[in-house]
Amino acid sequence: NSFPPIEQLFDAHYGRGKSPFATVETCADQVGFCQQFGSCEHLNHLVDTSGWHSDEVTYELDIDNVCKAEYIAQFGALECSNVCQPAHCCFSGEYQCEDVQLGHLDCKDYGVCGVLYPSSVKSTSELFLIAKKIDKVCEEDLVNMPEGRADCQALCKDRLCCFEDGIYGCANDPSQNCIAYAGCETLVSTPKSYFGKNEKTT
């Protein structure tokens, strides 16, 4: 019920013994050269979902197994990286899929590829929820109180670089999602009144 290995397809098309796989000298040891064809790994991860009695052939990409943490730990991440190559635009934040003629790509089909991008850019809806929570927790009146300030710091501590200048700043790094953390600015622009209130409570 799965798509046959690419070697079998070539044998069926060219005839056994005449396939390029049998007549062309292997170049598998030329890693740099082969990597440009990495996304061809898809051909080994297509599953026939059309059913036995269907006249139409329908294939779906099935990459769940090769991108599991256990699989990567045992065999390495190259196979997962290859099948996820077209979806780089879904995770890297370097560019949008539409910018590279991949607007038709459904990033949800490549959700498991997130394992390769531990600091990946989140979806628009995720960023909106983060921003909404930060705006609520980091409201200026709340940040002026010790307990409220601690809650805000817990949400913002890993993104304070968004408000730094120079080599320590990360505002231009798409992977940091700084736009969603704009509400954290209350931490770096705390009015002097906060310190006065804090001194009185200690």
N, C-alpha and C. Protein backbone atom coordinates (compact mmCIF):
# COMPACT_ATOMS: atom_id res chain seq x y z
N ASN A 1 0.82 -1.22 0.00
CA ASN A 1 0.00 0.00 0.00
C ASN A 1 0.85 1.25 0.00
N SER A 2 2.15 1.11 -0.24
CA SER A 2 3.00 2.29 -0.25
C SER A 2 3.65 2.45 -1.62
N PHE A 3 4.12 3.64 -1.86
CA PHE A 3 4.75 3.94 -3.13
C PHE A 3 6.03 3.13 -3.24
N PRO A 4 6.26 2.42 -4.35
CA PRO A 4 7.47 1.59 -4.47
C PRO A 4 8.72 2.44 -4.51
N PRO A 5 9.84 1.92 -4.04
CA PRO A 5 11.10 2.67 -4.07
C PRO A 5 11.40 3.16 -5.49
N ILE A 6 12.07 4.28 -5.59
CA ILE A 6 12.36 4.89 -6.88
C ILE A 6 13.08 3.93 -7.82
N GLU A 7 13.93 3.05 -7.27
CA GLU A 7 14.65 2.09 -8.12
C GLU A 7 13.68 1.18 -8.86
N GLN A 8 12.60 0.75 -8.18
CA GLN A 8 11.62 -0.13 -8.82
C GLN A 8 10.87 0.60 -9.93
N LEU A 9 10.58 1.87 -9.71
CA LEU A 9 9.88 2.65 -10.73
C LEU A 9 10.73 2.78 -11.99
N PHE A 10 12.02 3.02 -11.80
CA PHE A 10 12.91 3.15 -12.94
C PHE A 10 13.06 1.82 -13.68
N ASP A 11 13.12 0.71 -12.93
CA ASP A 11 13.20 -0.61 -13.56
C ASP A 11 11.96 -0.86 -14.41
N ALA A 12 10.78 -0.48 -13.89
CA ALA A 12 9.54 -0.70 -14.62
C ALA A 12 9.49 0.15 -15.89
N HIS A 13 10.06 1.35 -15.81
CA HIS A 13 10.00 2.27 -16.95
C HIS A 13 11.04 1.92 -18.03
N TYR A 14 12.28 1.70 -17.59
CA TYR A 14 13.36 1.47 -18.55
C TYR A 14 13.58 -0.01 -18.87
N GLY A 15 13.10 -0.87 -17.98
CA GLY A 15 13.39 -2.30 -18.13
C GLY A 15 14.53 -2.67 -17.20
N ARG A 16 14.43 -3.85 -16.60
CA ARG A 16 15.45 -4.28 -15.63
C ARG A 16 16.83 -4.32 -16.27
N GLY A 17 17.78 -3.74 -15.58
CA GLY A 17 19.15 -3.70 -16.08
C GLY A 17 19.45 -2.49 -16.94
N LYS A 18 18.41 -1.77 -17.37
CA LYS A 18 18.62 -0.60 -18.22
C LYS A 18 18.36 0.71 -17.48
N SER A 19 17.92 0.59 -16.25
CA SER A 19 17.65 1.77 -15.43
C SER A 19 18.93 2.55 -15.18
N PRO A 20 18.85 3.89 -15.13
CA PRO A 20 20.03 4.70 -14.79
C PRO A 20 20.66 4.28 -13.47
N PHE A 21 19.84 3.73 -12.57
CA PHE A 21 20.40 3.28 -11.30
C PHE A 21 21.37 2.13 -11.49
N ALA A 22 21.17 1.35 -12.56
CA ALA A 22 22.03 0.20 -12.81
C ALA A 22 23.20 0.52 -13.74
N THR A 23 23.04 1.56 -14.56
CA THR A 23 24.06 1.85 -15.58
C THR A 23 24.93 3.06 -15.27
N VAL A 24 24.51 3.90 -14.36
CA VAL A 24 25.28 5.10 -14.04
C VAL A 24 26.09 4.87 -12.78
N GLU A 25 27.32 5.34 -12.80
CA GLU A 25 28.19 5.18 -11.64
C GLU A 25 27.65 6.00 -10.47
N THR A 26 27.62 5.41 -9.31
CA THR A 26 27.06 6.11 -8.15
C THR A 26 27.87 7.34 -7.77
N CYS A 27 27.17 8.33 -7.25
CA CYS A 27 27.84 9.56 -6.79
C CYS A 27 27.44 9.84 -5.34
N ALA A 28 26.97 8.79 -4.67
CA ALA A 28 26.44 8.97 -3.31
C ALA A 28 27.46 9.52 -2.34
N ASP A 29 28.77 9.30 -2.65
CA ASP A 29 29.79 9.79 -1.73
C ASP A 29 30.06 11.29 -1.90
N GLN A 30 29.48 11.88 -2.94
CA GLN A 30 29.65 13.31 -3.19
C GLN A 30 28.51 14.06 -2.48
N VAL A 31 28.63 14.16 -1.17
CA VAL A 31 27.55 14.69 -0.35
C VAL A 31 27.10 16.07 -0.78
N GLY A 32 28.04 16.96 -1.03
CA GLY A 32 27.69 18.32 -1.42
C GLY A 32 26.86 18.37 -2.69
N PHE A 33 27.25 17.55 -3.67
CA PHE A 33 26.53 17.50 -4.94
C PHE A 33 25.13 16.92 -4.74
N CYS A 34 25.04 15.84 -3.97
CA CYS A 34 23.76 15.15 -3.79
C CYS A 34 22.75 15.97 -3.00
N GLN A 35 23.25 16.83 -2.11
CA GLN A 35 22.34 17.58 -1.27
C GLN A 35 21.42 18.50 -2.06
N GLN A 36 21.86 18.93 -3.26
CA GLN A 36 20.99 19.80 -4.05
C GLN A 36 19.77 19.05 -4.55
N PHE A 37 19.82 17.72 -4.50
CA PHE A 37 18.68 16.91 -4.89
C PHE A 37 18.01 16.29 -3.67
N GLY A 38 18.27 16.86 -2.51
CA GLY A 38 17.76 16.29 -1.27
C GLY A 38 16.26 16.10 -1.23
N SER A 39 15.52 17.06 -1.80
CA SER A 39 14.06 16.98 -1.72
C SER A 39 13.50 15.82 -2.54
N CYS A 40 14.32 15.19 -3.40
CA CYS A 40 13.87 14.00 -4.14
C CYS A 40 13.58 12.84 -3.18
N GLU A 41 14.01 12.98 -1.94
CA GLU A 41 13.74 11.96 -0.93
C GLU A 41 12.24 11.75 -0.77
N HIS A 42 11.45 12.75 -1.18
CA HIS A 42 9.99 12.63 -1.13
C HIS A 42 9.51 11.34 -1.81
N LEU A 43 10.17 10.98 -2.88
CA LEU A 43 9.72 9.83 -3.68
C LEU A 43 9.72 8.53 -2.89
N ASN A 44 10.49 8.48 -1.82
CA ASN A 44 10.52 7.28 -0.98
C ASN A 44 9.58 7.39 0.21
N HIS A 45 8.82 8.47 0.28
CA HIS A 45 7.93 8.67 1.43
C HIS A 45 6.52 9.06 0.99
N LEU A 46 6.10 8.51 -0.13
CA LEU A 46 4.74 8.73 -0.61
C LEU A 46 3.91 7.48 -0.38
N VAL A 47 2.74 7.65 0.17
CA VAL A 47 1.85 6.52 0.48
C VAL A 47 0.61 6.60 -0.40
N ASP A 48 0.24 5.47 -0.98
CA ASP A 48 -0.95 5.41 -1.83
C ASP A 48 -2.19 5.40 -0.94
N THR A 49 -3.02 6.44 -1.06
CA THR A 49 -4.22 6.53 -0.23
C THR A 49 -5.49 6.35 -1.05
N SER A 50 -5.35 5.91 -2.28
CA SER A 50 -6.52 5.80 -3.17
C SER A 50 -7.38 4.57 -2.90
N GLY A 51 -6.81 3.55 -2.27
CA GLY A 51 -7.58 2.34 -2.00
C GLY A 51 -7.46 1.33 -3.14
N TRP A 52 -7.77 0.09 -2.82
CA TRP A 52 -7.57 -1.01 -3.77
C TRP A 52 -8.45 -0.91 -5.01
N HIS A 53 -9.66 -0.43 -4.87
CA HIS A 53 -10.63 -0.48 -5.98
C HIS A 53 -10.77 0.84 -6.72
N SER A 54 -9.90 1.78 -6.45
CA SER A 54 -9.99 3.08 -7.11
C SER A 54 -9.24 3.07 -8.44
N ASP A 55 -9.82 3.73 -9.43
CA ASP A 55 -9.15 3.84 -10.73
C ASP A 55 -8.11 4.96 -10.73
N GLU A 56 -8.23 5.84 -9.75
CA GLU A 56 -7.28 6.94 -9.65
C GLU A 56 -6.22 6.62 -8.60
N VAL A 57 -5.03 7.13 -8.84
CA VAL A 57 -3.93 6.92 -7.90
C VAL A 57 -3.69 8.23 -7.15
N THR A 58 -3.76 8.13 -5.84
CA THR A 58 -3.57 9.31 -5.01
C THR A 58 -2.46 9.04 -4.00
N TYR A 59 -1.47 9.90 -3.97
CA TYR A 59 -0.35 9.72 -3.05
C TYR A 59 -0.29 10.87 -2.06
N GLU A 60 0.04 10.54 -0.84
CA GLU A 60 0.22 11.56 0.19
C GLU A 60 1.59 11.40 0.81
N LEU A 61 2.17 12.51 1.19
CA LEU A 61 3.49 12.49 1.80
C LEU A 61 3.39 12.00 3.24
N ASP A 62 4.23 11.03 3.60
CA ASP A 62 4.24 10.49 4.95
C ASP A 62 5.66 10.56 5.49
N ILE A 63 5.94 11.60 6.26
CA ILE A 63 7.30 11.80 6.77
C ILE A 63 7.36 11.74 8.29
N ASP A 64 6.26 11.33 8.91
CA ASP A 64 6.22 11.32 10.37
C ASP A 64 7.35 10.50 10.99
N ASN A 65 7.61 9.33 10.42
CA ASN A 65 8.58 8.42 11.03
C ASN A 65 10.00 8.98 10.99
N VAL A 66 10.44 9.47 9.82
CA VAL A 66 11.83 9.89 9.67
C VAL A 66 12.14 11.17 10.45
N CYS A 67 11.10 11.89 10.88
CA CYS A 67 11.33 13.13 11.63
C CYS A 67 11.04 12.97 13.13
N LYS A 68 10.84 11.73 13.56
CA LYS A 68 10.67 11.49 14.99
C LYS A 68 12.02 11.65 15.68
N ALA A 69 11.99 12.16 16.90
CA ALA A 69 13.23 12.40 17.64
C ALA A 69 14.02 11.11 17.81
N GLU A 70 13.31 9.99 18.04
CA GLU A 70 14.00 8.71 18.24
C GLU A 70 14.71 8.27 16.96
N TYR A 71 14.05 8.48 15.82
CA TYR A 71 14.64 8.09 14.52
C TYR A 71 15.88 8.93 14.24
N ILE A 72 15.77 10.22 14.49
CA ILE A 72 16.89 11.12 14.25
C ILE A 72 18.06 10.78 15.16
N ALA A 73 17.75 10.43 16.40
CA ALA A 73 18.80 10.07 17.35
C ALA A 73 19.56 8.83 16.89
N GLN A 74 18.86 7.91 16.24
CA GLN A 74 19.48 6.66 15.81
C GLN A 74 20.15 6.74 14.44
N PHE A 75 19.50 7.44 13.50
CA PHE A 75 19.99 7.44 12.12
C PHE A 75 20.47 8.81 11.63
N GLY A 76 20.33 9.83 12.45
CA GLY A 76 20.73 11.16 12.01
C GLY A 76 19.56 11.92 11.39
N ALA A 77 19.78 13.21 11.15
CA ALA A 77 18.69 14.07 10.68
C ALA A 77 18.69 14.30 9.18
N LEU A 78 19.62 13.67 8.44
CA LEU A 78 19.72 13.96 7.01
C LEU A 78 18.45 13.61 6.25
N GLU A 79 17.87 12.44 6.52
CA GLU A 79 16.68 12.02 5.79
C GLU A 79 15.51 12.96 6.07
N CYS A 80 15.34 13.33 7.32
CA CYS A 80 14.29 14.28 7.69
C CYS A 80 14.54 15.63 7.04
N SER A 81 15.79 16.06 7.06
CA SER A 81 16.15 17.34 6.46
C SER A 81 15.85 17.35 4.96
N ASN A 82 16.09 16.23 4.30
CA ASN A 82 15.84 16.15 2.87
C ASN A 82 14.35 16.30 2.54
N VAL A 83 13.51 15.53 3.24
CA VAL A 83 12.08 15.59 2.92
C VAL A 83 11.47 16.91 3.36
N CYS A 84 12.11 17.59 4.29
CA CYS A 84 11.59 18.87 4.78
C CYS A 84 12.13 20.06 4.00
N GLN A 85 13.05 19.81 3.10
CA GLN A 85 13.71 20.89 2.37
C GLN A 85 12.75 21.86 1.70
N PRO A 86 11.69 21.39 1.03
CA PRO A 86 10.77 22.35 0.38
C PRO A 86 10.04 23.24 1.38
N ALA A 87 9.93 22.78 2.62
CA ALA A 87 9.16 23.53 3.62
C ALA A 87 10.03 24.43 4.47
N HIS A 88 11.24 24.67 4.04
CA HIS A 88 12.14 25.56 4.79
C HIS A 88 11.49 26.92 5.01
N CYS A 89 10.71 27.35 4.01
CA CYS A 89 10.06 28.66 4.10
C CYS A 89 9.00 28.70 5.19
N CYS A 90 8.53 27.54 5.64
CA CYS A 90 7.49 27.49 6.67
C CYS A 90 8.06 27.75 8.06
N PHE A 91 9.37 27.53 8.22
CA PHE A 91 9.95 27.54 9.56
C PHE A 91 11.08 28.54 9.77
N SER A 92 11.85 28.80 8.72
CA SER A 92 13.10 29.54 8.92
C SER A 92 12.89 31.02 9.24
N GLY A 93 11.83 31.62 8.68
CA GLY A 93 11.62 33.04 8.87
C GLY A 93 12.48 33.90 7.95
N GLU A 94 13.29 33.26 7.11
CA GLU A 94 14.16 34.00 6.20
C GLU A 94 13.36 34.63 5.06
N TYR A 95 12.27 33.97 4.67
CA TYR A 95 11.44 34.46 3.58
C TYR A 95 10.09 33.76 3.64
N GLN A 96 9.12 34.29 2.92
CA GLN A 96 7.80 33.68 2.85
C GLN A 96 7.77 32.67 1.71
N CYS A 97 6.92 31.66 1.82
CA CYS A 97 6.84 30.64 0.78
C CYS A 97 6.47 31.25 -0.57
N GLU A 98 5.62 32.28 -0.54
CA GLU A 98 5.21 32.93 -1.78
C GLU A 98 6.40 33.58 -2.50
N ASP A 99 7.41 33.97 -1.73
CA ASP A 99 8.57 34.63 -2.32
C ASP A 99 9.40 33.70 -3.20
N VAL A 100 9.26 32.40 -2.99
CA VAL A 100 10.04 31.42 -3.76
C VAL A 100 9.12 30.49 -4.54
N GLN A 101 7.97 31.02 -4.96
CA GLN A 101 7.02 30.27 -5.78
C GLN A 101 6.52 28.99 -5.11
N LEU A 102 6.38 29.03 -3.78
CA LEU A 102 5.86 27.88 -3.06
C LEU A 102 4.60 28.24 -2.27
N GLY A 103 3.86 29.21 -2.80
CA GLY A 103 2.65 29.65 -2.13
C GLY A 103 1.61 28.56 -2.02
N HIS A 104 1.70 27.54 -2.88
CA HIS A 104 0.74 26.43 -2.86
C HIS A 104 1.05 25.43 -1.76
N LEU A 105 2.21 25.56 -1.13
CA LEU A 105 2.64 24.60 -0.12
C LEU A 105 1.77 24.72 1.13
N ASP A 106 1.29 23.60 1.64
CA ASP A 106 0.52 23.60 2.88
C ASP A 106 1.47 23.26 4.02
N CYS A 107 1.85 24.26 4.78
CA CYS A 107 2.85 24.06 5.84
C CYS A 107 2.39 23.06 6.89
N LYS A 108 1.08 22.88 7.03
CA LYS A 108 0.57 21.92 8.01
C LYS A 108 1.00 20.50 7.68
N ASP A 109 1.21 20.22 6.39
CA ASP A 109 1.66 18.89 5.97
C ASP A 109 3.07 18.61 6.45
N TYR A 110 3.78 19.66 6.81
CA TYR A 110 5.19 19.52 7.20
C TYR A 110 5.40 19.86 8.68
N GLY A 111 4.32 19.75 9.45
CA GLY A 111 4.42 20.10 10.86
C GLY A 111 5.54 19.40 11.61
N VAL A 112 5.77 18.12 11.28
CA VAL A 112 6.80 17.35 11.98
C VAL A 112 8.20 17.89 11.72
N CYS A 113 8.35 18.70 10.67
CA CYS A 113 9.66 19.26 10.34
C CYS A 113 10.11 20.28 11.39
N GLY A 114 9.19 20.68 12.24
CA GLY A 114 9.54 21.63 13.29
C GLY A 114 10.65 21.16 14.19
N VAL A 115 10.86 19.83 14.23
CA VAL A 115 11.93 19.28 15.06
C VAL A 115 13.30 19.78 14.60
N LEU A 116 13.39 20.20 13.35
CA LEU A 116 14.66 20.71 12.81
C LEU A 116 14.85 22.19 13.10
N TYR A 117 13.79 22.83 13.61
CA TYR A 117 13.83 24.28 13.83
C TYR A 117 13.40 24.60 15.26
N PRO A 118 14.23 24.30 16.24
CA PRO A 118 13.82 24.53 17.64
C PRO A 118 13.50 25.99 17.95
N SER A 119 14.04 26.92 17.16
CA SER A 119 13.75 28.34 17.39
C SER A 119 12.97 28.92 16.22
N SER A 120 12.12 28.10 15.63
CA SER A 120 11.44 28.50 14.40
C SER A 120 10.43 29.61 14.62
N VAL A 121 10.15 30.33 13.54
CA VAL A 121 9.13 31.37 13.58
C VAL A 121 7.76 30.73 13.74
N LYS A 122 6.97 31.26 14.63
CA LYS A 122 5.66 30.69 14.90
C LYS A 122 4.63 31.19 13.88
N SER A 123 3.50 30.53 13.84
CA SER A 123 2.45 30.94 12.92
C SER A 123 1.87 32.27 13.36
N THR A 124 1.16 32.92 12.45
CA THR A 124 0.58 34.23 12.75
C THR A 124 -0.38 34.16 13.94
N SER A 125 -1.18 33.09 13.99
CA SER A 125 -2.13 32.96 15.10
C SER A 125 -1.41 32.76 16.43
N GLU A 126 -0.31 32.00 16.42
CA GLU A 126 0.47 31.80 17.64
C GLU A 126 1.09 33.11 18.11
N LEU A 127 1.62 33.88 17.17
CA LEU A 127 2.23 35.17 17.51
C LEU A 127 1.19 36.13 18.07
N PHE A 128 -0.01 36.08 17.51
CA PHE A 128 -1.08 36.95 17.99
C PHE A 128 -1.43 36.62 19.44
N LEU A 129 -1.52 35.33 19.75
CA LEU A 129 -1.86 34.92 21.12
C LEU A 129 -0.76 35.32 22.11
N ILE A 130 0.50 35.18 21.67
CA ILE A 130 1.62 35.59 22.52
C ILE A 130 1.55 37.09 22.79
N ALA A 131 1.34 37.87 21.73
CA ALA A 131 1.28 39.33 21.86
C ALA A 131 0.12 39.74 22.77
N LYS A 132 -1.02 39.07 22.61
CA LYS A 132 -2.20 39.40 23.41
C LYS A 132 -1.94 39.13 24.89
N LYS A 133 -1.28 38.01 25.19
CA LYS A 133 -1.00 37.66 26.58
C LYS A 133 0.00 38.64 27.19
N ILE A 134 1.03 38.99 26.42
CA ILE A 134 2.04 39.93 26.92
C ILE A 134 1.43 41.30 27.17
N ASP A 135 0.59 41.77 26.27
CA ASP A 135 -0.05 43.07 26.46
C ASP A 135 -0.87 43.11 27.74
N LYS A 136 -1.48 41.96 28.06
CA LYS A 136 -2.31 41.90 29.26
C LYS A 136 -1.46 41.83 30.53
N VAL A 137 -0.46 40.94 30.52
CA VAL A 137 0.37 40.73 31.71
C VAL A 137 1.34 41.89 31.95
N CYS A 138 1.81 42.50 30.87
CA CYS A 138 2.82 43.55 30.99
C CYS A 138 2.25 44.96 30.92
N GLU A 139 0.99 45.09 31.24
CA GLU A 139 0.36 46.41 31.30
C GLU A 139 1.13 47.27 32.30
N GLU A 140 1.30 48.53 31.98
CA GLU A 140 2.16 49.40 32.78
C GLU A 140 1.78 49.43 34.25
N ASP A 141 0.50 49.49 34.55
CA ASP A 141 0.07 49.54 35.96
C ASP A 141 0.48 48.27 36.71
N LEU A 142 0.43 47.12 36.01
CA LEU A 142 0.79 45.86 36.64
C LEU A 142 2.30 45.74 36.82
N VAL A 143 3.05 46.21 35.83
CA VAL A 143 4.51 46.13 35.89
C VAL A 143 5.07 47.02 36.98
N ASN A 144 4.30 48.03 37.39
CA ASN A 144 4.74 48.92 38.47
C ASN A 144 4.64 48.27 39.84
N MET A 145 4.06 47.06 39.89
CA MET A 145 3.97 46.32 41.15
C MET A 145 4.95 45.15 41.10
N PRO A 146 5.62 44.84 42.19
CA PRO A 146 6.64 43.77 42.18
C PRO A 146 6.12 42.43 41.63
N GLU A 147 4.95 42.01 42.07
CA GLU A 147 4.44 40.71 41.61
C GLU A 147 4.11 40.74 40.11
N GLY A 148 3.50 41.84 39.67
CA GLY A 148 3.17 41.98 38.26
C GLY A 148 4.40 42.06 37.39
N ARG A 149 5.42 42.72 37.91
CA ARG A 149 6.68 42.84 37.16
C ARG A 149 7.33 41.46 36.98
N ALA A 150 7.26 40.64 38.02
CA ALA A 150 7.84 39.30 37.94
C ALA A 150 7.13 38.45 36.89
N ASP A 151 5.80 38.58 36.81
CA ASP A 151 5.03 37.83 35.82
C ASP A 151 5.42 38.26 34.40
N CYS A 152 5.60 39.54 34.22
CA CYS A 152 5.97 40.06 32.90
C CYS A 152 7.38 39.61 32.53
N GLN A 153 8.29 39.64 33.49
CA GLN A 153 9.66 39.21 33.24
C GLN A 153 9.72 37.74 32.82
N ALA A 154 8.85 36.93 33.40
CA ALA A 154 8.83 35.51 33.06
C ALA A 154 8.49 35.29 31.59
N LEU A 155 7.63 36.16 31.05
CA LEU A 155 7.24 36.04 29.64
C LEU A 155 8.26 36.66 28.70
N CYS A 156 8.96 37.67 29.18
CA CYS A 156 9.81 38.46 28.29
C CYS A 156 11.31 38.22 28.42
N LYS A 157 11.73 37.47 29.41
CA LYS A 157 13.15 37.39 29.73
C LYS A 157 14.02 36.92 28.56
N ASP A 158 13.46 36.09 27.68
CA ASP A 158 14.26 35.58 26.55
C ASP A 158 14.20 36.47 25.32
N ARG A 159 13.46 37.58 25.39
CA ARG A 159 13.33 38.45 24.23
C ARG A 159 13.69 39.92 24.53
N LEU A 160 14.38 40.15 25.61
CA LEU A 160 14.78 41.52 25.93
C LEU A 160 15.80 42.05 24.95
N CYS A 161 16.44 41.13 24.21
CA CYS A 161 17.39 41.55 23.18
C CYS A 161 16.69 42.32 22.07
N CYS A 162 15.37 42.18 21.98
CA CYS A 162 14.60 42.91 20.97
C CYS A 162 14.66 44.42 21.20
N PHE A 163 15.02 44.82 22.42
CA PHE A 163 15.05 46.23 22.76
C PHE A 163 16.47 46.75 22.97
N GLU A 164 17.45 45.88 22.64
CA GLU A 164 18.86 46.26 22.75
C GLU A 164 19.36 46.80 21.42
N ASP A 165 20.35 47.66 21.49
CA ASP A 165 21.01 48.16 20.29
C ASP A 165 22.36 47.47 20.13
N GLY A 166 22.96 47.62 18.97
CA GLY A 166 24.30 47.09 18.76
C GLY A 166 24.34 45.58 18.64
N ILE A 167 25.47 45.00 19.00
CA ILE A 167 25.71 43.57 18.79
C ILE A 167 24.81 42.69 19.64
N TYR A 168 24.25 43.25 20.70
CA TYR A 168 23.39 42.46 21.58
C TYR A 168 21.92 42.53 21.18
N GLY A 169 21.62 43.35 20.22
CA GLY A 169 20.24 43.49 19.77
C GLY A 169 19.83 42.39 18.80
N CYS A 170 18.55 42.03 18.79
CA CYS A 170 18.07 40.97 17.91
C CYS A 170 16.78 41.38 17.19
N ALA A 171 16.50 42.68 17.17
CA ALA A 171 15.24 43.15 16.57
C ALA A 171 15.12 42.78 15.10
N ASN A 172 16.24 42.62 14.42
CA ASN A 172 16.21 42.30 12.99
C ASN A 172 16.34 40.81 12.71
N ASP A 173 16.29 40.01 13.76
CA ASP A 173 16.38 38.55 13.61
C ASP A 173 14.96 37.98 13.57
N PRO A 174 14.49 37.50 12.40
CA PRO A 174 13.11 37.01 12.28
C PRO A 174 12.79 35.86 13.23
N SER A 175 13.80 35.06 13.57
CA SER A 175 13.53 33.89 14.42
C SER A 175 13.16 34.27 15.84
N GLN A 176 13.41 35.53 16.23
CA GLN A 176 13.10 35.97 17.59
C GLN A 176 11.66 36.47 17.74
N ASN A 177 10.97 36.66 16.62
CA ASN A 177 9.56 37.07 16.67
C ASN A 177 9.33 38.33 17.52
N CYS A 178 10.21 39.29 17.37
CA CYS A 178 10.17 40.47 18.24
C CYS A 178 8.84 41.23 18.18
N ILE A 179 8.20 41.19 17.04
CA ILE A 179 6.95 41.95 16.91
C ILE A 179 5.89 41.48 17.91
N ALA A 180 5.92 40.20 18.25
CA ALA A 180 4.95 39.66 19.20
C ALA A 180 5.29 40.06 20.64
N TYR A 181 6.53 40.47 20.85
CA TYR A 181 6.99 40.80 22.20
C TYR A 181 7.10 42.31 22.42
N ALA A 182 6.43 43.08 21.56
CA ALA A 182 6.50 44.54 21.67
C ALA A 182 6.03 45.02 23.04
N GLY A 183 5.05 44.32 23.63
CA GLY A 183 4.53 44.72 24.94
C GLY A 183 5.54 44.63 26.06
N CYS A 184 6.64 43.91 25.82
CA CYS A 184 7.68 43.78 26.84
C CYS A 184 8.45 45.08 27.06
N GLU A 185 8.20 46.05 26.21
CA GLU A 185 8.91 47.32 26.32
C GLU A 185 8.66 48.00 27.66
N THR A 186 7.55 47.68 28.30
CA THR A 186 7.27 48.27 29.61
C THR A 186 8.34 47.91 30.63
N LEU A 187 9.02 46.78 30.40
CA LEU A 187 10.08 46.37 31.33
C LEU A 187 11.32 47.23 31.19
N VAL A 188 11.60 47.66 29.97
CA VAL A 188 12.83 48.43 29.73
C VAL A 188 12.58 49.93 29.77
N SER A 189 11.34 50.32 30.00
CA SER A 189 11.03 51.75 30.11
C SER A 189 10.19 51.99 31.35
N THR A 190 10.54 51.30 32.44
CA THR A 190 9.80 51.43 33.69
C THR A 190 9.95 52.83 34.27
N PRO A 191 8.86 53.48 34.58
CA PRO A 191 8.96 54.84 35.15
C PRO A 191 9.60 54.81 36.54
N LYS A 192 10.21 55.92 36.90
CA LYS A 192 10.89 56.01 38.20
C LYS A 192 9.92 55.75 39.36
N SER A 193 8.62 55.98 39.11
CA SER A 193 7.64 55.80 40.16
C SER A 193 7.64 54.36 40.68
N TYR A 194 7.99 53.40 39.79
CA TYR A 194 8.00 52.00 40.21
C TYR A 194 9.00 51.80 41.34
N PHE A 195 10.17 52.35 41.19
CA PHE A 195 11.22 52.15 42.18
C PHE A 195 10.85 52.80 43.50
N GLY A 196 10.13 53.90 43.42
CA GLY A 196 9.69 54.56 44.65
C GLY A 196 8.69 53.69 45.38
N LYS A 197 7.72 53.12 44.64
CA LYS A 197 6.71 52.26 45.24
C LYS A 197 7.35 51.01 45.81
N ASN A 198 8.34 50.47 45.07
CA ASN A 198 8.98 49.23 45.49
C ASN A 198 9.77 49.42 46.77
N GLU A 199 10.41 50.59 46.89
CA GLU A 199 11.19 50.87 48.09
C GLU A 199 10.28 50.97 49.30
N LYS A 200 9.07 51.53 49.12
CA LYS A 200 8.15 51.70 50.24
C LYS A 200 7.60 50.37 50.73
N THR A 201 7.54 49.36 49.80
CA THR A 201 6.95 48.08 50.19
C THR A 201 7.99 47.15 50.79
N THR A 202 9.28 47.55 50.75
CA THR A 202 10.33 46.67 51.30
C THR A 202 10.81 47.17 52.62
